[in-house]
Structures are given as C-alpha cells and as structure tokens.
Amino acid sequence: MKSKSPRSASELEETFALHCKVRGLAPEREHQFHPSRKWKFDFAFVDRKVAIECEGGMWVNGRHSRGSGAVADMEKYNAAAALGWFIFRFDILKIRSGHAIDLIDSVLKNRS
C-alpha cells in the first residue's frame, strides 16, 4: 500500500519549531502517539510525554472551531491523556508572542 506523503508544515508550526531551535529544544515532529490510531501530535517531547498542538484557523471557521473537528480533537486529546500525555494547545497569538515556548520551556524544566 502506498503511504501518504507527509503534510506540509504550517507557518504556525514553523514558527514554533524556530522558537524551539533558538531555545535548544528538539521535539519530535508529527509523533504518532497512539498504538492503534493514526493520531499524531504536531510536536512531542516523547521521553517526558509532553505534546504541543498548534491550533490554526481558530478565527476563520477552521477545522478546530467547527463542531465535527472539535469533537474529533476531543477524542484524540482524551485518548492521549488516558495514555499519560500532557497536551498543550496554542493558537497563533500565543505562538507568535513567545508565550507558548516560554510555557513549554518551563514545563520541560519542571518535568526533568
């Protein structure tokens, strides 16, 4: 069976990746965390079970702000939490401002 090509990273994900690089952090990108579902996190610090989701389209009726997308996200995030993951969700404002990387950097320091 032919595998799907990886989706291209959003500007939002690229911004968060750059912030990680500046801080010397190296999360795994597109980490498939579930043993039987194909769910992936945008970024994951696998050894600490800390996941980051970059939630784009919040203000333009994107996937995360519509009913079916929000319900699917709930299923994914609840399954991840049941497996012991800490999931942090950030919108464009929190990522661009640096709030997201500040929080994640702090969380990682406290979980080491």
N, C-alpha and C. Protein backbone atom coordinates (compact mmCIF):
# COMPACT_ATOMS: atom_id res chain seq x y z
N MET A 1 0.85 -1.18 0.00
CA MET A 1 0.00 0.00 0.00
C MET A 1 0.90 1.24 0.00
N LYS A 2 0.56 2.18 -0.82
CA LYS A 2 1.35 3.42 -0.93
C LYS A 2 1.03 4.32 0.25
N SER A 3 2.08 4.82 0.91
CA SER A 3 1.85 5.71 2.06
C SER A 3 1.59 7.12 1.58
N LYS A 4 0.82 7.84 2.38
CA LYS A 4 0.54 9.23 2.06
C LYS A 4 1.79 10.06 2.28
N SER A 5 1.97 11.06 1.44
CA SER A 5 3.11 11.94 1.66
C SER A 5 2.83 12.80 2.88
N PRO A 6 3.86 13.17 3.62
CA PRO A 6 3.63 13.97 4.83
C PRO A 6 3.03 15.31 4.48
N ARG A 7 2.15 15.79 5.34
CA ARG A 7 1.53 17.09 5.09
C ARG A 7 2.58 18.17 5.30
N SER A 8 2.41 19.25 4.61
CA SER A 8 3.39 20.33 4.78
C SER A 8 3.11 21.06 6.09
N ALA A 9 4.15 21.50 6.71
CA ALA A 9 4.02 22.21 7.98
C ALA A 9 3.45 23.60 7.75
N SER A 10 2.63 24.03 8.67
CA SER A 10 2.04 25.35 8.58
C SER A 10 3.05 26.41 9.04
N GLU A 11 2.75 27.65 8.70
CA GLU A 11 3.58 28.77 9.16
C GLU A 11 3.61 28.80 10.68
N LEU A 12 2.50 28.44 11.28
CA LEU A 12 2.40 28.40 12.73
C LEU A 12 3.35 27.35 13.32
N GLU A 13 3.37 26.17 12.74
CA GLU A 13 4.27 25.11 13.19
C GLU A 13 5.73 25.48 12.95
N GLU A 14 6.00 26.10 11.83
CA GLU A 14 7.37 26.52 11.54
C GLU A 14 7.85 27.58 12.53
N THR A 15 6.96 28.46 12.95
CA THR A 15 7.32 29.48 13.94
C THR A 15 7.64 28.80 15.27
N PHE A 16 6.81 27.87 15.69
CA PHE A 16 7.08 27.17 16.95
C PHE A 16 8.38 26.37 16.85
N ALA A 17 8.62 25.73 15.73
CA ALA A 17 9.87 24.97 15.53
C ALA A 17 11.08 25.89 15.65
N LEU A 18 11.00 27.08 15.08
CA LEU A 18 12.10 28.04 15.17
C LEU A 18 12.33 28.46 16.63
N HIS A 19 11.24 28.71 17.36
CA HIS A 19 11.37 29.07 18.77
C HIS A 19 12.04 27.94 19.55
N CYS A 20 11.68 26.70 19.24
CA CYS A 20 12.32 25.55 19.90
C CYS A 20 13.82 25.52 19.60
N LYS A 21 14.16 25.74 18.35
CA LYS A 21 15.57 25.70 17.94
C LYS A 21 16.38 26.76 18.68
N VAL A 22 15.82 27.96 18.79
CA VAL A 22 16.50 29.05 19.49
C VAL A 22 16.75 28.68 20.95
N ARG A 23 15.82 27.95 21.55
CA ARG A 23 15.95 27.54 22.96
C ARG A 23 16.77 26.26 23.13
N GLY A 24 17.19 25.66 22.02
CA GLY A 24 17.95 24.41 22.11
C GLY A 24 17.08 23.20 22.39
N LEU A 25 15.81 23.30 22.07
CA LEU A 25 14.87 22.20 22.28
C LEU A 25 14.67 21.44 20.97
N ALA A 26 14.54 20.13 21.06
CA ALA A 26 14.42 19.32 19.86
C ALA A 26 13.25 18.34 19.97
N PRO A 27 12.03 18.84 19.85
CA PRO A 27 10.88 17.93 19.91
C PRO A 27 10.79 17.09 18.64
N GLU A 28 10.14 15.96 18.76
CA GLU A 28 9.84 15.14 17.58
C GLU A 28 8.62 15.77 16.92
N ARG A 29 8.67 15.87 15.60
CA ARG A 29 7.53 16.42 14.86
C ARG A 29 6.68 15.30 14.31
N GLU A 30 5.37 15.54 14.30
CA GLU A 30 4.40 14.57 13.77
C GLU A 30 4.55 13.20 14.45
N HIS A 31 4.61 13.22 15.77
CA HIS A 31 4.76 11.98 16.54
C HIS A 31 3.44 11.23 16.63
N GLN A 32 3.43 9.99 16.15
CA GLN A 32 2.24 9.14 16.26
C GLN A 32 2.26 8.50 17.64
N PHE A 33 1.34 8.90 18.50
CA PHE A 33 1.39 8.51 19.90
C PHE A 33 0.50 7.33 20.27
N HIS A 34 -0.48 7.03 19.47
CA HIS A 34 -1.47 6.01 19.85
C HIS A 34 -1.09 4.66 19.24
N PRO A 35 -1.27 3.57 20.00
CA PRO A 35 -0.86 2.26 19.49
C PRO A 35 -1.69 1.73 18.32
N SER A 36 -2.95 2.17 18.19
CA SER A 36 -3.77 1.63 17.10
C SER A 36 -4.40 2.68 16.19
N ARG A 37 -4.43 3.93 16.61
CA ARG A 37 -4.96 5.00 15.78
C ARG A 37 -3.81 5.74 15.12
N LYS A 38 -4.07 6.45 14.06
CA LYS A 38 -3.03 7.18 13.34
C LYS A 38 -2.87 8.62 13.82
N TRP A 39 -3.37 8.90 15.00
CA TRP A 39 -3.27 10.25 15.55
C TRP A 39 -1.82 10.65 15.75
N LYS A 40 -1.55 11.92 15.48
CA LYS A 40 -0.20 12.47 15.66
C LYS A 40 -0.28 13.80 16.39
N PHE A 41 0.77 14.10 17.12
CA PHE A 41 0.94 15.42 17.71
C PHE A 41 1.80 16.25 16.78
N ASP A 42 1.57 17.56 16.74
CA ASP A 42 2.42 18.44 15.94
C ASP A 42 3.86 18.36 16.44
N PHE A 43 4.03 18.41 17.76
CA PHE A 43 5.35 18.32 18.39
C PHE A 43 5.21 17.47 19.64
N ALA A 44 6.25 16.69 19.94
CA ALA A 44 6.23 15.88 21.16
C ALA A 44 7.62 15.74 21.75
N PHE A 45 7.67 15.88 23.05
CA PHE A 45 8.86 15.53 23.82
C PHE A 45 8.53 14.17 24.40
N VAL A 46 8.82 13.14 23.63
CA VAL A 46 8.34 11.79 23.88
C VAL A 46 8.77 11.28 25.25
N ASP A 47 10.03 11.50 25.61
CA ASP A 47 10.54 10.98 26.88
C ASP A 47 9.83 11.58 28.09
N ARG A 48 9.22 12.75 27.92
CA ARG A 48 8.51 13.41 29.03
C ARG A 48 7.00 13.40 28.84
N LYS A 49 6.56 12.83 27.74
CA LYS A 49 5.13 12.76 27.40
C LYS A 49 4.48 14.14 27.44
N VAL A 50 5.16 15.10 26.80
CA VAL A 50 4.64 16.46 26.66
C VAL A 50 4.39 16.69 25.18
N ALA A 51 3.15 17.03 24.84
CA ALA A 51 2.77 17.24 23.45
C ALA A 51 2.31 18.67 23.22
N ILE A 52 2.57 19.16 22.01
CA ILE A 52 2.16 20.51 21.64
C ILE A 52 1.35 20.41 20.36
N GLU A 53 0.19 21.06 20.37
CA GLU A 53 -0.66 21.15 19.20
C GLU A 53 -0.79 22.62 18.81
N CYS A 54 -0.48 22.92 17.57
CA CYS A 54 -0.60 24.27 17.03
C CYS A 54 -1.97 24.38 16.37
N GLU A 55 -2.84 25.13 16.99
CA GLU A 55 -4.24 25.19 16.57
C GLU A 55 -4.50 26.38 15.65
N GLY A 56 -4.34 26.16 14.38
CA GLY A 56 -4.60 27.20 13.40
C GLY A 56 -6.07 27.30 13.05
N GLY A 57 -6.44 28.36 12.38
CA GLY A 57 -7.81 28.51 11.88
C GLY A 57 -8.86 28.79 12.94
N MET A 58 -8.43 29.22 14.11
CA MET A 58 -9.39 29.44 15.19
C MET A 58 -10.36 30.58 14.89
N TRP A 59 -9.93 31.57 14.14
CA TRP A 59 -10.74 32.76 13.92
C TRP A 59 -11.33 32.84 12.52
N VAL A 60 -11.14 31.80 11.74
CA VAL A 60 -11.65 31.81 10.36
C VAL A 60 -12.49 30.58 10.07
N ASN A 61 -13.17 30.07 11.09
CA ASN A 61 -14.03 28.90 10.94
C ASN A 61 -13.24 27.69 10.44
N GLY A 62 -12.04 27.54 10.97
CA GLY A 62 -11.19 26.41 10.60
C GLY A 62 -11.64 25.12 11.27
N ARG A 63 -10.93 24.05 11.00
CA ARG A 63 -11.28 22.72 11.49
C ARG A 63 -11.47 22.67 13.00
N HIS A 64 -10.59 23.32 13.75
CA HIS A 64 -10.62 23.21 15.20
C HIS A 64 -11.79 23.97 15.83
N SER A 65 -12.42 24.86 15.09
CA SER A 65 -13.50 25.65 15.66
C SER A 65 -14.89 25.23 15.14
N ARG A 66 -14.94 24.22 14.32
CA ARG A 66 -16.22 23.69 13.85
C ARG A 66 -16.59 22.46 14.66
N GLY A 67 -17.84 22.17 14.76
CA GLY A 67 -18.33 21.08 15.59
C GLY A 67 -17.65 19.74 15.38
N SER A 68 -17.64 19.24 14.15
CA SER A 68 -17.07 17.91 13.91
C SER A 68 -15.57 17.87 14.18
N GLY A 69 -14.87 18.93 13.84
CA GLY A 69 -13.43 18.99 14.11
C GLY A 69 -13.14 19.06 15.59
N ALA A 70 -13.92 19.85 16.31
CA ALA A 70 -13.73 19.98 17.76
C ALA A 70 -14.01 18.65 18.46
N VAL A 71 -15.05 17.94 18.03
CA VAL A 71 -15.38 16.65 18.64
C VAL A 71 -14.26 15.63 18.35
N ALA A 72 -13.73 15.62 17.14
CA ALA A 72 -12.62 14.72 16.81
C ALA A 72 -11.38 15.05 17.63
N ASP A 73 -11.12 16.35 17.83
CA ASP A 73 -9.99 16.76 18.66
C ASP A 73 -10.18 16.27 20.09
N MET A 74 -11.39 16.38 20.63
CA MET A 74 -11.66 15.91 21.98
C MET A 74 -11.35 14.42 22.12
N GLU A 75 -11.77 13.64 21.15
CA GLU A 75 -11.50 12.20 21.19
C GLU A 75 -9.99 11.94 21.21
N LYS A 76 -9.26 12.62 20.35
CA LYS A 76 -7.81 12.46 20.28
C LYS A 76 -7.14 12.88 21.58
N TYR A 77 -7.48 14.06 22.09
CA TYR A 77 -6.83 14.57 23.29
C TYR A 77 -7.18 13.75 24.53
N ASN A 78 -8.40 13.27 24.62
CA ASN A 78 -8.78 12.42 25.75
C ASN A 78 -8.05 11.09 25.71
N ALA A 79 -7.90 10.51 24.52
CA ALA A 79 -7.15 9.26 24.39
C ALA A 79 -5.69 9.46 24.78
N ALA A 80 -5.12 10.59 24.38
CA ALA A 80 -3.73 10.89 24.73
C ALA A 80 -3.58 11.06 26.24
N ALA A 81 -4.51 11.77 26.86
CA ALA A 81 -4.45 11.97 28.31
C ALA A 81 -4.57 10.63 29.04
N ALA A 82 -5.41 9.75 28.53
CA ALA A 82 -5.55 8.42 29.13
C ALA A 82 -4.26 7.62 29.05
N LEU A 83 -3.42 7.94 28.08
CA LEU A 83 -2.11 7.28 27.93
C LEU A 83 -1.01 8.02 28.70
N GLY A 84 -1.37 9.06 29.44
CA GLY A 84 -0.41 9.76 30.28
C GLY A 84 0.24 10.98 29.67
N TRP A 85 -0.25 11.46 28.53
CA TRP A 85 0.32 12.62 27.87
C TRP A 85 -0.20 13.92 28.47
N PHE A 86 0.67 14.91 28.53
CA PHE A 86 0.29 16.29 28.86
C PHE A 86 0.22 17.02 27.52
N ILE A 87 -0.95 17.55 27.19
CA ILE A 87 -1.16 18.17 25.89
C ILE A 87 -1.35 19.68 26.07
N PHE A 88 -0.55 20.44 25.33
CA PHE A 88 -0.65 21.89 25.36
C PHE A 88 -1.09 22.35 23.98
N ARG A 89 -2.14 23.16 23.94
CA ARG A 89 -2.70 23.65 22.69
C ARG A 89 -2.51 25.16 22.63
N PHE A 90 -1.96 25.61 21.50
CA PHE A 90 -1.67 27.03 21.35
C PHE A 90 -2.21 27.56 20.04
N ASP A 91 -2.74 28.78 20.10
CA ASP A 91 -3.19 29.47 18.89
C ASP A 91 -2.06 30.35 18.36
N ILE A 92 -2.34 31.01 17.27
CA ILE A 92 -1.33 31.81 16.59
C ILE A 92 -0.79 32.94 17.47
N LEU A 93 -1.64 33.56 18.27
CA LEU A 93 -1.20 34.67 19.11
C LEU A 93 -0.22 34.20 20.19
N LYS A 94 -0.50 33.06 20.80
CA LYS A 94 0.38 32.55 21.86
C LYS A 94 1.71 32.07 21.28
N ILE A 95 1.69 31.54 20.08
CA ILE A 95 2.94 31.08 19.46
C ILE A 95 3.77 32.27 19.02
N ARG A 96 3.18 33.18 18.28
CA ARG A 96 3.95 34.33 17.78
C ARG A 96 4.51 35.20 18.90
N SER A 97 3.77 35.35 19.98
CA SER A 97 4.21 36.23 21.08
C SER A 97 5.34 35.62 21.90
N GLY A 98 5.55 34.31 21.77
CA GLY A 98 6.57 33.65 22.57
C GLY A 98 6.01 33.03 23.85
N HIS A 99 4.73 33.26 24.14
CA HIS A 99 4.11 32.68 25.34
C HIS A 99 4.19 31.15 25.30
N ALA A 100 3.93 30.58 24.14
CA ALA A 100 3.92 29.11 24.02
C ALA A 100 5.29 28.52 24.37
N ILE A 101 6.35 29.04 23.78
CA ILE A 101 7.67 28.48 24.03
C ILE A 101 8.11 28.75 25.46
N ASP A 102 7.73 29.90 26.04
CA ASP A 102 8.06 30.17 27.44
C ASP A 102 7.41 29.12 28.35
N LEU A 103 6.15 28.84 28.11
CA LEU A 103 5.44 27.86 28.94
C LEU A 103 6.04 26.46 28.77
N ILE A 104 6.27 26.05 27.53
CA ILE A 104 6.81 24.72 27.29
C ILE A 104 8.21 24.58 27.88
N ASP A 105 9.03 25.59 27.72
CA ASP A 105 10.38 25.56 28.30
C ASP A 105 10.28 25.38 29.81
N SER A 106 9.39 26.09 30.45
CA SER A 106 9.20 25.98 31.89
C SER A 106 8.69 24.60 32.29
N VAL A 107 7.73 24.09 31.56
CA VAL A 107 7.18 22.76 31.85
C VAL A 107 8.27 21.70 31.74
N LEU A 108 9.05 21.78 30.68
CA LEU A 108 10.12 20.78 30.48
C LEU A 108 11.17 20.85 31.60
N LYS A 109 11.48 22.03 32.06
CA LYS A 109 12.44 22.17 33.16
C LYS A 109 11.88 21.56 34.43
N ASN A 110 10.58 21.69 34.65
CA ASN A 110 9.94 21.15 35.84
C ASN A 110 9.70 19.64 35.77
N ARG A 111 9.72 19.08 34.56
CA ARG A 111 9.48 17.63 34.40
C ARG A 111 10.77 16.85 34.21
N SER A 112 11.93 17.50 34.30
CA SER A 112 13.18 16.76 34.08
C SER A 112 13.71 16.15 35.36
